[in-house]
Amino acid sequence: PDDNMFDAFEYAVTQDVAPQSSITFDFNITAKNQPVEIPHQITLIRNDVVILQFTQTINVISPYYATVVKHNFPTAMKTTWRPTVELTLKNEGSENWVNPTLKSTDVDGTLSWFFDWSWVDKKTVQVKKATIKPGEEVTFKFRIKPYWKAGTYPHVYKLWTGKQMILINGQELLERQTRVDR
């Protein structure tokens, strides 16, 4: 089956249903741990005649989900600049973030092209000592230092709460590109 869709299935009722009475269909759905909208159609058929048909959408939400509220990542900068970046994220999931941690690397997981000595360590930009509840926002404020050579380089950011990754805008990472000029 497609990762974002359910398998089609039939549920047969082997008993009669009296007029003006109800029947309940119970079934379980297992979804991946990432947000997705899944449209599905329910059709009730008796003796090959469609009695009722409707389409419904199931919204799967991740318990650990962030949206970018605002940021000021530079699109271009000089090799001598050390700008301060502010990245505000909103907890759109259903779970608290305890001490959310922003990490940054290059796309291949090596040291970021924008690593600054003020970061917690080579891959940890900042840790917020707080609990961010669903609906609340957190702002990470940090400096970046561009690579010494002119070119366009990616910033890759990931957000964590403990050992649990938090999806950012539905993705495992937030990627930005910045041109560095001499």
C-alpha atoms as a PDB file:
ATOM      1  CA  PRO A   1       0.000   0.000   0.000  1.00  0.00           C
ATOM      2  CA  ASP A   2       0.950   3.636  -0.473  1.00  0.00           C
ATOM      3  CA  ASP A   3       2.560   5.035   2.700  1.00  0.00           C
ATOM      4  CA  ASN A   4      -0.106   7.733   2.915  1.00  0.00           C
ATOM      5  CA  MET A   5      -3.153   5.625   2.193  1.00  0.00           C
ATOM      6  CA  PHE A   6      -5.076   2.831   3.869  1.00  0.00           C
ATOM      7  CA  ASP A   7      -5.743  -0.510   2.278  1.00  0.00           C
ATOM      8  CA  ALA A   8      -9.271  -0.919   0.980  1.00  0.00           C
ATOM      9  CA  PHE A   9     -11.246  -3.428   2.990  1.00  0.00           C
ATOM     10  CA  GLU A  10     -14.717  -4.835   3.254  1.00  0.00           C
ATOM     11  CA  TYR A  11     -16.718  -5.350   6.393  1.00  0.00           C
ATOM     12  CA  ALA A  12     -19.627  -7.746   5.957  1.00  0.00           C
ATOM     13  CA  VAL A  13     -22.624  -7.795   8.277  1.00  0.00           C
ATOM     14  CA  THR A  14     -24.157 -11.244   8.556  1.00  0.00           C
ATOM     15  CA  GLN A  15     -27.155 -10.247  10.628  1.00  0.00           C
ATOM     16  CA  ASP A  16     -30.302  -8.355   9.759  1.00  0.00           C
ATOM     17  CA  VAL A  17     -30.586  -4.750  10.800  1.00  0.00           C
ATOM     18  CA  ALA A  18     -34.106  -3.687  11.775  1.00  0.00           C
ATOM     19  CA  PRO A  19     -35.559  -0.448  10.390  1.00  0.00           C
ATOM     20  CA  GLN A  20     -34.922   2.623  12.586  1.00  0.00           C
ATOM     21  CA  SER A  21     -32.068   0.833  14.370  1.00  0.00           C
ATOM     22  CA  SER A  22     -28.316   1.424  14.289  1.00  0.00           C
ATOM     23  CA  ILE A  23     -25.325  -0.649  13.472  1.00  0.00           C
ATOM     24  CA  THR A  24     -21.748   0.108  14.438  1.00  0.00           C
ATOM     25  CA  PHE A  25     -18.695  -0.787  12.400  1.00  0.00           C
ATOM     26  CA  ASP A  26     -15.501  -0.969  14.454  1.00  0.00           C
ATOM     27  CA  PHE A  27     -12.116  -1.028  12.776  1.00  0.00           C
ATOM     28  CA  ASN A  28      -8.605   0.073  13.647  1.00  0.00           C
ATOM     29  CA  ILE A  29      -6.387   2.338  11.598  1.00  0.00           C
ATOM     30  CA  THR A  30      -2.638   2.564  12.107  1.00  0.00           C
ATOM     31  CA  ALA A  31      -0.940   5.670  10.767  1.00  0.00           C
ATOM     32  CA  LYS A  32       2.698   6.674  10.541  1.00  0.00           C
ATOM     33  CA  ASN A  33       4.063   9.147  13.079  1.00  0.00           C
ATOM     34  CA  GLN A  34       3.973  12.111  10.739  1.00  0.00           C
ATOM     35  CA  PRO A  35       1.266  14.547   9.776  1.00  0.00           C
ATOM     36  CA  VAL A  36      -0.753  13.742   6.695  1.00  0.00           C
ATOM     37  CA  GLU A  37      -4.302  14.193   5.445  1.00  0.00           C
ATOM     38  CA  ILE A  38      -5.828  10.949   4.253  1.00  0.00           C
ATOM     39  CA  PRO A  39      -9.074  11.126   2.292  1.00  0.00           C
ATOM     40  CA  HIS A  40     -11.143   7.953   2.335  1.00  0.00           C
ATOM     41  CA  GLN A  41     -14.527   6.897   1.110  1.00  0.00           C
ATOM     42  CA  ILE A  42     -17.161   4.936   3.024  1.00  0.00           C
ATOM     43  CA  THR A  43     -19.729   3.037   0.973  1.00  0.00           C
ATOM     44  CA  LEU A  44     -22.632   1.024   2.365  1.00  0.00           C
ATOM     45  CA  ILE A  45     -23.909  -1.549  -0.133  1.00  0.00           C
ATOM     46  CA  ARG A  46     -26.820  -3.996   0.133  1.00  0.00           C
ATOM     47  CA  ASN A  47     -27.429  -6.538  -2.625  1.00  0.00           C
ATOM     48  CA  ASP A  48     -25.051  -4.668  -4.961  1.00  0.00           C
ATOM     49  CA  VAL A  49     -26.992  -1.415  -4.487  1.00  0.00           C
ATOM     50  CA  VAL A  50     -25.235   1.603  -2.955  1.00  0.00           C
ATOM     51  CA  ILE A  51     -27.320   2.742   0.018  1.00  0.00           C
ATOM     52  CA  LEU A  52     -24.970   5.365   1.436  1.00  0.00           C
ATOM     53  CA  GLN A  53     -21.661   6.826   0.309  1.00  0.00           C
ATOM     54  CA  PHE A  54     -19.538   9.645   1.700  1.00  0.00           C
ATOM     55  CA  THR A  55     -15.960  10.871   1.661  1.00  0.00           C
ATOM     56  CA  GLN A  56     -14.150  11.838   4.830  1.00  0.00           C
ATOM     57  CA  THR A  57     -10.634  13.045   5.607  1.00  0.00           C
ATOM     58  CA  ILE A  58      -8.592  11.737   8.496  1.00  0.00           C
ATOM     59  CA  ASN A  59      -6.017  14.235   9.756  1.00  0.00           C
ATOM     60  CA  VAL A  60      -3.044  12.408  11.230  1.00  0.00           C
ATOM     61  CA  ILE A  61      -1.015  14.650  13.507  1.00  0.00           C
ATOM     62  CA  SER A  62       2.342  13.887  15.000  1.00  0.00           C
ATOM     63  CA  PRO A  63       2.625  14.251  18.755  1.00  0.00           C
ATOM     64  CA  TYR A  64       5.965  15.981  18.039  1.00  0.00           C
ATOM     65  CA  TYR A  65       5.414  18.622  15.384  1.00  0.00           C
ATOM     66  CA  ALA A  66       6.689  22.197  14.965  1.00  0.00           C
ATOM     67  CA  THR A  67       5.917  24.957  12.525  1.00  0.00           C
ATOM     68  CA  VAL A  68       8.221  27.842  11.749  1.00  0.00           C
ATOM     69  CA  VAL A  69       6.573  31.048  12.960  1.00  0.00           C
ATOM     70  CA  LYS A  70       9.378  33.378  11.873  1.00  0.00           C
ATOM     71  CA  HIS A  71      13.097  33.450  11.135  1.00  0.00           C
ATOM     72  CA  ASN A  72      15.736  35.810   9.854  1.00  0.00           C
ATOM     73  CA  PHE A  73      18.218  33.452   8.177  1.00  0.00           C
ATOM     74  CA  PRO A  74      20.324  35.534   5.795  1.00  0.00           C
ATOM     75  CA  THR A  75      20.109  34.703   2.097  1.00  0.00           C
ATOM     76  CA  ALA A  76      23.544  36.245   1.529  1.00  0.00           C
ATOM     77  CA  MET A  77      26.400  37.403   3.757  1.00  0.00           C
ATOM     78  CA  LYS A  78      30.084  38.258   3.691  1.00  0.00           C
ATOM     79  CA  THR A  79      32.759  35.926   5.058  1.00  0.00           C
ATOM     80  CA  THR A  80      33.503  38.417   7.841  1.00  0.00           C
ATOM     81  CA  TRP A  81      29.940  38.700   9.137  1.00  0.00           C
ATOM     82  CA  ARG A  82      28.681  36.955  12.296  1.00  0.00           C
ATOM     83  CA  PRO A  83      24.921  37.592  12.198  1.00  0.00           C
ATOM     84  CA  THR A  84      22.542  36.625  14.969  1.00  0.00           C
ATOM     85  CA  VAL A  85      19.706  34.418  13.770  1.00  0.00           C
ATOM     86  CA  GLU A  86      16.331  34.164  15.467  1.00  0.00           C
ATOM     87  CA  LEU A  87      14.192  31.112  14.747  1.00  0.00           C
ATOM     88  CA  THR A  88      10.753  30.914  16.365  1.00  0.00           C
ATOM     89  CA  LEU A  89       8.965  27.554  16.358  1.00  0.00           C
ATOM     90  CA  LYS A  90       5.460  26.702  17.540  1.00  0.00           C
ATOM     91  CA  ASN A  91       4.579  23.391  19.201  1.00  0.00           C
ATOM     92  CA  GLU A  92       1.758  22.109  16.976  1.00  0.00           C
ATOM     93  CA  GLY A  93       1.875  18.568  18.376  1.00  0.00           C
ATOM     94  CA  SER A  94       0.100  17.020  21.322  1.00  0.00           C
ATOM     95  CA  GLU A  95       3.135  16.453  23.578  1.00  0.00           C
ATOM     96  CA  ASN A  96       5.277  18.832  25.633  1.00  0.00           C
ATOM     97  CA  TRP A  97       8.811  19.576  24.509  1.00  0.00           C
ATOM     98  CA  VAL A  98      11.143  19.291  27.468  1.00  0.00           C
ATOM     99  CA  ASN A  99      14.398  21.227  27.023  1.00  0.00           C
ATOM    100  CA  PRO A 100      14.045  21.499  23.227  1.00  0.00           C
ATOM    101  CA  THR A 101      17.386  21.231  21.478  1.00  0.00           C
ATOM    102  CA  LEU A 102      18.278  22.768  18.116  1.00  0.00           C
ATOM    103  CA  LYS A 103      21.042  20.973  16.229  1.00  0.00           C
ATOM    104  CA  SER A 104      22.788  21.859  12.981  1.00  0.00           C
ATOM    105  CA  THR A 105      24.995  19.981  10.537  1.00  0.00           C
ATOM    106  CA  ASP A 106      25.832  19.897   6.870  1.00  0.00           C
ATOM    107  CA  VAL A 107      23.474  17.813   4.688  1.00  0.00           C
ATOM    108  CA  ASP A 108      25.740  14.774   5.097  1.00  0.00           C
ATOM    109  CA  GLY A 109      25.777  14.997   8.920  1.00  0.00           C
ATOM    110  CA  THR A 110      29.239  16.551   9.188  1.00  0.00           C
ATOM    111  CA  LEU A 111      30.096  19.912  10.763  1.00  0.00           C
ATOM    112  CA  SER A 112      27.860  22.784   9.644  1.00  0.00           C
ATOM    113  CA  TRP A 113      29.264  25.317   7.173  1.00  0.00           C
ATOM    114  CA  PHE A 114      27.969  27.930   9.639  1.00  0.00           C
ATOM    115  CA  PHE A 115      29.292  26.519  12.936  1.00  0.00           C
ATOM    116  CA  ASP A 116      30.004  29.237  15.490  1.00  0.00           C
ATOM    117  CA  TRP A 117      32.175  28.813  18.604  1.00  0.00           C
ATOM    118  CA  SER A 118      29.269  30.125  20.740  1.00  0.00           C
ATOM    119  CA  TRP A 119      27.214  26.968  20.094  1.00  0.00           C
ATOM    120  CA  VAL A 120      26.894  24.343  22.844  1.00  0.00           C
ATOM    121  CA  ASP A 121      29.046  21.922  20.848  1.00  0.00           C
ATOM    122  CA  LYS A 122      29.948  21.213  17.210  1.00  0.00           C
ATOM    123  CA  LYS A 123      26.415  20.058  16.320  1.00  0.00           C
ATOM    124  CA  THR A 124      24.246  21.512  19.107  1.00  0.00           C
ATOM    125  CA  VAL A 125      23.274  25.112  18.462  1.00  0.00           C
ATOM    126  CA  GLN A 126      21.233  25.728  21.588  1.00  0.00           C
ATOM    127  CA  VAL A 127      19.222  23.997  24.327  1.00  0.00           C
ATOM    128  CA  LYS A 128      16.243  25.830  25.840  1.00  0.00           C
ATOM    129  CA  LYS A 129      15.857  24.879  29.501  1.00  0.00           C
ATOM    130  CA  ALA A 130      12.061  24.991  29.442  1.00  0.00           C
ATOM    131  CA  THR A 131       8.937  22.972  28.811  1.00  0.00           C
ATOM    132  CA  ILE A 132       7.091  24.096  25.685  1.00  0.00           C
ATOM    133  CA  LYS A 133       3.466  23.003  25.815  1.00  0.00           C
ATOM    134  CA  PRO A 134       1.267  22.417  22.742  1.00  0.00           C
ATOM    135  CA  GLY A 135       0.318  25.788  21.269  1.00  0.00           C
ATOM    136  CA  GLU A 136       3.322  27.590  22.784  1.00  0.00           C
ATOM    137  CA  GLU A 137       6.305  29.042  20.931  1.00  0.00           C
ATOM    138  CA  VAL A 138      10.038  28.968  21.560  1.00  0.00           C
ATOM    139  CA  THR A 139      12.662  31.260  20.030  1.00  0.00           C
ATOM    140  CA  PHE A 140      16.227  30.144  19.438  1.00  0.00           C
ATOM    141  CA  LYS A 141      18.639  33.069  19.146  1.00  0.00           C
ATOM    142  CA  PHE A 142      22.155  32.171  17.981  1.00  0.00           C
ATOM    143  CA  ARG A 143      25.091  33.357  15.924  1.00  0.00           C
ATOM    144  CA  ILE A 144      26.341  31.821  12.721  1.00  0.00           C
ATOM    145  CA  LYS A 145      29.796  32.078  11.197  1.00  0.00           C
ATOM    146  CA  PRO A 146      30.053  31.569   7.440  1.00  0.00           C
ATOM    147  CA  TYR A 147      32.573  29.360   5.726  1.00  0.00           C
ATOM    148  CA  TRP A 148      35.688  31.311   4.700  1.00  0.00           C
ATOM    149  CA  LYS A 149      35.340  30.496   0.990  1.00  0.00           C
ATOM    150  CA  ALA A 150      32.759  32.195  -1.262  1.00  0.00           C
ATOM    151  CA  GLY A 151      29.895  29.986  -2.427  1.00  0.00           C
ATOM    152  CA  THR A 152      26.368  28.924  -1.545  1.00  0.00           C
ATOM    153  CA  TYR A 153      26.084  26.616   1.440  1.00  0.00           C
ATOM    154  CA  PRO A 154      23.223  24.795   3.163  1.00  0.00           C
ATOM    155  CA  HIS A 155      22.206  25.125   6.810  1.00  0.00           C
ATOM    156  CA  VAL A 156      20.493  21.991   8.105  1.00  0.00           C
ATOM    157  CA  TYR A 157      18.613  22.174  11.412  1.00  0.00           C
ATOM    158  CA  LYS A 158      16.898  19.481  13.459  1.00  0.00           C
ATOM    159  CA  LEU A 159      14.818  19.876  16.591  1.00  0.00           C
ATOM    160  CA  TRP A 160      14.786  17.381  19.473  1.00  0.00           C
ATOM    161  CA  THR A 161      13.104  16.829  22.818  1.00  0.00           C
ATOM    162  CA  GLY A 162      15.198  14.247  24.635  1.00  0.00           C
ATOM    163  CA  LYS A 163      15.800  11.443  22.109  1.00  0.00           C
ATOM    164  CA  GLN A 164      12.603  12.241  20.200  1.00  0.00           C
ATOM    165  CA  MET A 165      12.967  14.166  16.929  1.00  0.00           C
ATOM    166  CA  ILE A 166      10.397  16.901  16.357  1.00  0.00           C
ATOM    167  CA  LEU A 167       9.215  17.323  12.773  1.00  0.00           C
ATOM    168  CA  ILE A 168       9.574  20.878  11.451  1.00  0.00           C
ATOM    169  CA  ASN A 169       6.887  21.837   8.944  1.00  0.00           C
ATOM    170  CA  GLY A 170       6.282  18.123   8.399  1.00  0.00           C
ATOM    171  CA  GLN A 171       9.941  17.378   7.635  1.00  0.00           C
ATOM    172  CA  GLU A 172      12.750  15.800   9.642  1.00  0.00           C
ATOM    173  CA  LEU A 173      14.896  18.857   9.024  1.00  0.00           C
ATOM    174  CA  LEU A 174      14.773  22.516   8.150  1.00  0.00           C
ATOM    175  CA  GLU A 175      17.178  23.428   5.353  1.00  0.00           C
ATOM    176  CA  ARG A 176      18.197  26.939   4.338  1.00  0.00           C
ATOM    177  CA  GLN A 177      20.704  28.114   1.709  1.00  0.00           C
ATOM    178  CA  THR A 178      22.984  31.117   2.193  1.00  0.00           C
ATOM    179  CA  ARG A 179      25.359  32.629  -0.337  1.00  0.00           C
ATOM    180  CA  VAL A 180      28.706  33.639   1.151  1.00  0.00           C
ATOM    181  CA  ASP A 181      30.615  36.469  -0.547  1.00  0.00           C
ATOM    182  CA  ARG A 182      34.174  37.689   0.080  1.00  0.00           C
END
